[in-house]
């Protein structure tokens, strides 16, 4: 099993946050010493407001998603990034479809998987704590 690194950067108050994630079968890790230059492929940009407005949180990796239905990339917790319970919309890139989850580690209610969503709906608005890309 390969561990797939992901770069997460936040534009909320101008701060950048770096983290690592793994495929669905492995526990998420935190690795702020990774080579961020290799993580140049954007997977999804999460937005603070509906219709892609407000601050943004970008998830990157070293390559895009494949065409299989399995989970290619995931972020098990937004807590350390300051993005817990903030997401209202998202735009996908690199053939990735995103599913957002209500709780850390892909628990509770979920929404997706979609390439883009101008609004995650009243049930998930400002309640997202983790996500998966496939």
C-alpha atoms as a PDB file:
ATOM      1  CA  UNK A   1       0.000   0.000   0.000  1.00  0.00           C
ATOM      2  CA  UNK A   2       1.376   3.398  -0.986  1.00  0.00           C
ATOM      3  CA  UNK A   3       0.920   6.390   1.256  1.00  0.00           C
ATOM      4  CA  UNK A   4      -0.138   9.402  -0.769  1.00  0.00           C
ATOM      5  CA  UNK A   5       1.006  12.767   0.521  1.00  0.00           C
ATOM      6  CA  UNK A   6      -1.230  15.790   0.258  1.00  0.00           C
ATOM      7  CA  UNK A   7      -0.486  19.456   0.702  1.00  0.00           C
ATOM      8  CA  UNK A   8      -3.199  21.503   2.320  1.00  0.00           C
ATOM      9  CA  UNK A   9      -2.979  25.263   2.235  1.00  0.00           C
ATOM     10  CA  UNK A  10      -5.462  27.707   3.669  1.00  0.00           C
ATOM     11  CA  UNK A  11      -6.171  31.262   2.634  1.00  0.00           C
ATOM     12  CA  UNK A  12      -8.035  32.023   5.846  1.00  0.00           C
ATOM     13  CA  UNK A  13      -6.158  34.903   7.520  1.00  0.00           C
ATOM     14  CA  UNK A  14      -3.351  34.369   4.981  1.00  0.00           C
ATOM     15  CA  UNK A  15      -1.873  31.323   6.759  1.00  0.00           C
ATOM     16  CA  UNK A  16      -0.500  28.255   5.011  1.00  0.00           C
ATOM     17  CA  UNK A  17      -0.976  24.832   6.576  1.00  0.00           C
ATOM     18  CA  UNK A  18       0.829  21.682   5.465  1.00  0.00           C
ATOM     19  CA  UNK A  19      -0.227  18.115   6.197  1.00  0.00           C
ATOM     20  CA  UNK A  20      -0.102  14.596   4.856  1.00  0.00           C
ATOM     21  CA  UNK A  21      -2.855  12.110   4.227  1.00  0.00           C
ATOM     22  CA  UNK A  22      -3.060   8.490   3.198  1.00  0.00           C
ATOM     23  CA  UNK A  23      -5.377   6.304   1.155  1.00  0.00           C
ATOM     24  CA  UNK A  24      -8.620   5.154   2.778  1.00  0.00           C
ATOM     25  CA  UNK A  25      -7.145   1.988   4.328  1.00  0.00           C
ATOM     26  CA  UNK A  26      -4.415   3.751   6.325  1.00  0.00           C
ATOM     27  CA  UNK A  27      -4.611   6.031   9.332  1.00  0.00           C
ATOM     28  CA  UNK A  28      -4.020   9.704   8.528  1.00  0.00           C
ATOM     29  CA  UNK A  29      -0.590  11.081   9.351  1.00  0.00           C
ATOM     30  CA  UNK A  30       0.847  14.532   9.911  1.00  0.00           C
ATOM     31  CA  UNK A  31       4.129  15.354   8.193  1.00  0.00           C
ATOM     32  CA  UNK A  32       5.029  19.005   7.975  1.00  0.00           C
ATOM     33  CA  UNK A  33       8.582  18.230   6.799  1.00  0.00           C
ATOM     34  CA  UNK A  34       7.516  16.915   3.381  1.00  0.00           C
ATOM     35  CA  UNK A  35       8.859  18.204   0.069  1.00  0.00           C
ATOM     36  CA  UNK A  36       6.023  20.556  -0.901  1.00  0.00           C
ATOM     37  CA  UNK A  37       7.580  21.245  -4.302  1.00  0.00           C
ATOM     38  CA  UNK A  38       6.536  17.767  -5.482  1.00  0.00           C
ATOM     39  CA  UNK A  39       2.900  18.356  -4.473  1.00  0.00           C
ATOM     40  CA  UNK A  40       1.866  20.544  -7.363  1.00  0.00           C
ATOM     41  CA  UNK A  41      -1.404  18.934  -8.526  1.00  0.00           C
ATOM     42  CA  UNK A  42      -4.575  20.593  -7.188  1.00  0.00           C
ATOM     43  CA  UNK A  43      -7.307  18.120  -6.187  1.00  0.00           C
ATOM     44  CA  UNK A  44      -9.984  20.345  -4.691  1.00  0.00           C
ATOM     45  CA  UNK A  45     -10.431  23.910  -3.502  1.00  0.00           C
ATOM     46  CA  UNK A  46     -12.858  24.215  -0.584  1.00  0.00           C
ATOM     47  CA  UNK A  47     -14.602  27.551  -0.005  1.00  0.00           C
ATOM     48  CA  UNK A  48     -15.905  29.299   3.091  1.00  0.00           C
ATOM     49  CA  UNK A  49     -19.129  30.472   1.402  1.00  0.00           C
ATOM     50  CA  UNK A  50     -21.547  29.169  -1.215  1.00  0.00           C
ATOM     51  CA  UNK A  51     -20.874  29.882  -4.893  1.00  0.00           C
ATOM     52  CA  UNK A  52     -17.112  29.587  -4.307  1.00  0.00           C
ATOM     53  CA  UNK A  53     -16.865  32.719  -2.192  1.00  0.00           C
ATOM     54  CA  UNK A  54     -14.849  33.773   0.832  1.00  0.00           C
ATOM     55  CA  UNK A  55     -11.605  32.212   1.993  1.00  0.00           C
ATOM     56  CA  UNK A  56     -10.334  29.010   0.355  1.00  0.00           C
ATOM     57  CA  UNK A  57      -8.569  25.817   1.437  1.00  0.00           C
ATOM     58  CA  UNK A  58      -6.647  23.966  -1.310  1.00  0.00           C
ATOM     59  CA  UNK A  59      -5.779  20.252  -1.219  1.00  0.00           C
ATOM     60  CA  UNK A  60      -2.853  19.238  -3.459  1.00  0.00           C
ATOM     61  CA  UNK A  61      -0.956  16.046  -4.169  1.00  0.00           C
ATOM     62  CA  UNK A  62       1.817  14.796  -6.393  1.00  0.00           C
ATOM     63  CA  UNK A  63      -0.659  13.493  -9.009  1.00  0.00           C
ATOM     64  CA  UNK A  64      -4.399  13.572  -9.745  1.00  0.00           C
ATOM     65  CA  UNK A  65      -7.163  11.044  -9.181  1.00  0.00           C
ATOM     66  CA  UNK A  66      -7.646   7.939 -11.324  1.00  0.00           C
ATOM     67  CA  UNK A  67     -10.845   6.760 -12.999  1.00  0.00           C
ATOM     68  CA  UNK A  68     -11.654   4.054 -10.426  1.00  0.00           C
ATOM     69  CA  UNK A  69     -14.419   4.590  -7.860  1.00  0.00           C
ATOM     70  CA  UNK A  70     -12.057   3.970  -4.913  1.00  0.00           C
ATOM     71  CA  UNK A  71     -10.731   6.741  -2.668  1.00  0.00           C
ATOM     72  CA  UNK A  72      -7.473   8.141  -4.030  1.00  0.00           C
ATOM     73  CA  UNK A  73      -6.784  10.906  -1.495  1.00  0.00           C
ATOM     74  CA  UNK A  74      -8.260  11.896   1.847  1.00  0.00           C
ATOM     75  CA  UNK A  75      -7.843  14.319   4.708  1.00  0.00           C
ATOM     76  CA  UNK A  76      -9.131  12.834   7.984  1.00  0.00           C
ATOM     77  CA  UNK A  77      -9.358  16.070   9.949  1.00  0.00           C
ATOM     78  CA  UNK A  78      -9.535  19.758   9.141  1.00  0.00           C
ATOM     79  CA  UNK A  79      -8.977  20.696  12.799  1.00  0.00           C
ATOM     80  CA  UNK A  80      -5.256  21.497  12.611  1.00  0.00           C
ATOM     81  CA  UNK A  81      -5.815  23.679   9.523  1.00  0.00           C
ATOM     82  CA  UNK A  82      -8.474  25.844  11.157  1.00  0.00           C
ATOM     83  CA  UNK A  83     -11.047  24.705   8.576  1.00  0.00           C
ATOM     84  CA  UNK A  84     -13.231  22.503  10.769  1.00  0.00           C
ATOM     85  CA  UNK A  85     -16.940  23.341  10.218  1.00  0.00           C
ATOM     86  CA  UNK A  86     -16.298  26.098   7.637  1.00  0.00           C
ATOM     87  CA  UNK A  87     -16.841  24.598   4.131  1.00  0.00           C
ATOM     88  CA  UNK A  88     -19.863  25.682   2.058  1.00  0.00           C
ATOM     89  CA  UNK A  89     -18.772  24.919  -1.550  1.00  0.00           C
ATOM     90  CA  UNK A  90     -15.931  23.268  -3.501  1.00  0.00           C
ATOM     91  CA  UNK A  91     -14.330  23.020  -6.945  1.00  0.00           C
ATOM     92  CA  UNK A  92     -12.590  19.808  -8.037  1.00  0.00           C
ATOM     93  CA  UNK A  93      -9.573  19.450 -10.302  1.00  0.00           C
ATOM     94  CA  UNK A  94      -7.344  16.708 -11.751  1.00  0.00           C
ATOM     95  CA  UNK A  95     -10.243  14.268 -12.341  1.00  0.00           C
ATOM     96  CA  UNK A  96     -11.082  14.250  -8.614  1.00  0.00           C
ATOM     97  CA  UNK A  97     -14.568  13.998  -7.171  1.00  0.00           C
ATOM     98  CA  UNK A  98     -14.943  15.113  -3.546  1.00  0.00           C
ATOM     99  CA  UNK A  99     -17.049  13.720  -0.707  1.00  0.00           C
ATOM    100  CA  UNK A 100     -17.173  15.863   2.451  1.00  0.00           C
ATOM    101  CA  UNK A 101     -17.915  14.376   5.871  1.00  0.00           C
ATOM    102  CA  UNK A 102     -19.515  15.864   8.974  1.00  0.00           C
ATOM    103  CA  UNK A 103     -16.980  14.455  11.446  1.00  0.00           C
ATOM    104  CA  UNK A 104     -13.262  13.685  11.566  1.00  0.00           C
ATOM    105  CA  UNK A 105     -12.144  10.420   9.961  1.00  0.00           C
ATOM    106  CA  UNK A 106     -15.097  10.225   7.574  1.00  0.00           C
ATOM    107  CA  UNK A 107     -17.878   9.873  10.113  1.00  0.00           C
ATOM    108  CA  UNK A 108     -21.428  11.169  10.349  1.00  0.00           C
ATOM    109  CA  UNK A 109     -23.397  12.639   7.450  1.00  0.00           C
ATOM    110  CA  UNK A 110     -21.705  13.094   4.085  1.00  0.00           C
ATOM    111  CA  UNK A 111     -22.228  14.891   0.796  1.00  0.00           C
ATOM    112  CA  UNK A 112     -20.854  13.927  -2.614  1.00  0.00           C
ATOM    113  CA  UNK A 113     -18.927  12.644  -4.430  1.00  0.00           C
ATOM    114  CA  UNK A 114     -19.052  15.516  -6.915  1.00  0.00           C
ATOM    115  CA  UNK A 115     -16.507  17.321  -9.059  1.00  0.00           C
ATOM    116  CA  UNK A 116     -17.969  20.730  -8.157  1.00  0.00           C
ATOM    117  CA  UNK A 117     -20.613  21.942  -5.747  1.00  0.00           C
ATOM    118  CA  UNK A 118     -21.693  25.570  -5.467  1.00  0.00           C
ATOM    119  CA  UNK A 119     -23.381  24.708  -2.147  1.00  0.00           C
ATOM    120  CA  UNK A 120     -23.068  21.596   0.023  1.00  0.00           C
ATOM    121  CA  UNK A 121     -26.657  21.970   1.273  1.00  0.00           C
ATOM    122  CA  UNK A 122     -28.132  23.056   4.579  1.00  0.00           C
ATOM    123  CA  UNK A 123     -27.368  19.685   6.206  1.00  0.00           C
ATOM    124  CA  UNK A 124     -23.592  20.008   5.574  1.00  0.00           C
ATOM    125  CA  UNK A 125     -23.041  23.776   5.405  1.00  0.00           C
ATOM    126  CA  UNK A 126     -20.385  24.809   7.939  1.00  0.00           C
ATOM    127  CA  UNK A 127     -20.291  21.235   9.306  1.00  0.00           C
ATOM    128  CA  UNK A 128     -17.517  19.616   7.263  1.00  0.00           C
ATOM    129  CA  UNK A 129     -14.620  18.059   9.185  1.00  0.00           C
ATOM    130  CA  UNK A 130     -12.968  15.655   6.688  1.00  0.00           C
ATOM    131  CA  UNK A 131     -13.003  14.783   2.980  1.00  0.00           C
ATOM    132  CA  UNK A 132     -12.159  12.088   0.459  1.00  0.00           C
ATOM    133  CA  UNK A 133     -11.297  12.427  -3.235  1.00  0.00           C
ATOM    134  CA  UNK A 134     -11.794   9.715  -5.814  1.00  0.00           C
END
